[in-house]
Amino acid sequence: FGDQYRGCGHYVRVYQTGITYDCARPNCKLSAAHMHKTAKNCGCNMEFSDHRRVRNLFQTKCDACLEYE
């Protein structure tokens, strides 16, 4: 969950829910459908993706952009 700022277009994550899902892609190391099940160094993608759920929608810029100005 996070905050969306329309003034600058940034999404600022406040906290992670811990809810996971399986993308079912064979080239994803974290998926149950991973094609290299026994290989130790296969080089497949191992990055987590996060569903962006907007908790608050602000019409201003985020704090980082306001400090930059």
C-alpha atoms as a PDB file:
ATOM      1  CA  PHE A   1       0.000   0.000   0.000  1.00  0.00           C
ATOM      2  CA  GLY A   2       1.191   3.500  -0.706  1.00  0.00           C
ATOM      3  CA  ASP A   3       0.444   7.088  -1.567  1.00  0.00           C
ATOM      4  CA  GLN A   4       0.005   8.424  -5.109  1.00  0.00           C
ATOM      5  CA  TYR A   5       1.001  12.045  -5.776  1.00  0.00           C
ATOM      6  CA  ARG A   6      -0.617  13.607  -8.827  1.00  0.00           C
ATOM      7  CA  GLY A   7       1.520  16.743  -8.696  1.00  0.00           C
ATOM      8  CA  CYS A   8       4.665  14.831  -9.693  1.00  0.00           C
ATOM      9  CA  GLY A   9       3.263  11.403 -10.631  1.00  0.00           C
ATOM     10  CA  HIS A  10       5.259   9.493  -8.015  1.00  0.00           C
ATOM     11  CA  TYR A  11       4.051   6.500  -6.013  1.00  0.00           C
ATOM     12  CA  VAL A  12       5.522   6.278  -2.513  1.00  0.00           C
ATOM     13  CA  ARG A  13       5.185   2.868  -0.850  1.00  0.00           C
ATOM     14  CA  VAL A  14       4.204   3.143   2.800  1.00  0.00           C
ATOM     15  CA  TYR A  15       4.210  -0.560   3.680  1.00  0.00           C
ATOM     16  CA  GLN A  16       4.193  -3.976   2.026  1.00  0.00           C
ATOM     17  CA  THR A  17       1.276  -6.313   2.652  1.00  0.00           C
ATOM     18  CA  GLY A  18       3.203  -9.563   2.279  1.00  0.00           C
ATOM     19  CA  ILE A  19       0.571 -10.917  -0.095  1.00  0.00           C
ATOM     20  CA  THR A  20       2.300 -12.940  -2.800  1.00  0.00           C
ATOM     21  CA  TYR A  21       1.101 -14.536  -6.012  1.00  0.00           C
ATOM     22  CA  ASP A  22       2.590 -16.875  -8.597  1.00  0.00           C
ATOM     23  CA  CYS A  23       3.081 -15.291 -12.016  1.00  0.00           C
ATOM     24  CA  ALA A  24       3.321 -18.788 -13.622  1.00  0.00           C
ATOM     25  CA  ARG A  25       6.096 -17.699 -16.017  1.00  0.00           C
ATOM     26  CA  PRO A  26       8.763 -20.270 -16.917  1.00  0.00           C
ATOM     27  CA  ASN A  27      11.537 -17.643 -16.908  1.00  0.00           C
ATOM     28  CA  CYS A  28      10.776 -16.471 -13.340  1.00  0.00           C
ATOM     29  CA  LYS A  29      12.940 -18.081 -10.676  1.00  0.00           C
ATOM     30  CA  LEU A  30      10.297 -17.534  -7.976  1.00  0.00           C
ATOM     31  CA  SER A  31       7.472 -19.222  -9.919  1.00  0.00           C
ATOM     32  CA  ALA A  32       6.310 -22.808  -9.500  1.00  0.00           C
ATOM     33  CA  ALA A  33       6.491 -23.075 -13.320  1.00  0.00           C
ATOM     34  CA  HIS A  34      10.237 -22.269 -13.395  1.00  0.00           C
ATOM     35  CA  MET A  35      11.903 -24.228 -16.230  1.00  0.00           C
ATOM     36  CA  HIS A  36      15.330 -24.659 -14.563  1.00  0.00           C
ATOM     37  CA  LYS A  37      14.243 -26.396 -11.359  1.00  0.00           C
ATOM     38  CA  THR A  38      17.572 -28.158 -10.704  1.00  0.00           C
ATOM     39  CA  ALA A  39      20.006 -25.509 -12.009  1.00  0.00           C
ATOM     40  CA  LYS A  40      21.723 -23.459  -9.305  1.00  0.00           C
ATOM     41  CA  ASN A  41      22.883 -20.525 -11.491  1.00  0.00           C
ATOM     42  CA  CYS A  42      20.285 -20.231 -14.247  1.00  0.00           C
ATOM     43  CA  GLY A  43      20.136 -16.420 -14.505  1.00  0.00           C
ATOM     44  CA  CYS A  44      16.363 -16.166 -14.565  1.00  0.00           C
ATOM     45  CA  ASN A  45      14.604 -13.125 -13.119  1.00  0.00           C
ATOM     46  CA  MET A  46      14.308 -13.198  -9.320  1.00  0.00           C
ATOM     47  CA  GLU A  47      12.789  -9.787  -8.646  1.00  0.00           C
ATOM     48  CA  PHE A  48       9.622  -9.428  -6.621  1.00  0.00           C
ATOM     49  CA  SER A  49       6.827  -7.382  -8.090  1.00  0.00           C
ATOM     50  CA  ASP A  50       4.415  -5.463  -5.968  1.00  0.00           C
ATOM     51  CA  HIS A  51       0.780  -4.654  -6.653  1.00  0.00           C
ATOM     52  CA  ARG A  52       0.486  -0.917  -6.236  1.00  0.00           C
ATOM     53  CA  ARG A  53      -2.533  -0.249  -4.098  1.00  0.00           C
ATOM     54  CA  VAL A  54      -3.215   3.421  -3.544  1.00  0.00           C
ATOM     55  CA  ARG A  55      -4.006   4.252   0.060  1.00  0.00           C
ATOM     56  CA  ASN A  56      -4.097   8.054  -0.364  1.00  0.00           C
ATOM     57  CA  LEU A  57      -4.316  10.185  -3.497  1.00  0.00           C
ATOM     58  CA  PHE A  58      -2.721  13.606  -3.120  1.00  0.00           C
ATOM     59  CA  GLN A  59      -2.991  16.449  -5.628  1.00  0.00           C
ATOM     60  CA  THR A  60       0.394  17.883  -4.542  1.00  0.00           C
ATOM     61  CA  LYS A  61       3.990  16.792  -5.187  1.00  0.00           C
ATOM     62  CA  CYS A  62       5.663  14.213  -2.942  1.00  0.00           C
ATOM     63  CA  ASP A  63       8.012  15.278  -0.123  1.00  0.00           C
ATOM     64  CA  ALA A  64      11.145  14.358  -2.102  1.00  0.00           C
ATOM     65  CA  CYS A  65      10.088  16.559  -5.040  1.00  0.00           C
ATOM     66  CA  LEU A  66       9.166  19.438  -2.742  1.00  0.00           C
ATOM     67  CA  GLU A  67      12.612  19.233  -1.088  1.00  0.00           C
ATOM     68  CA  TYR A  68      14.286  19.169  -4.514  1.00  0.00           C
ATOM     69  CA  GLU A  69      12.676  22.463  -5.536  1.00  0.00           C
END
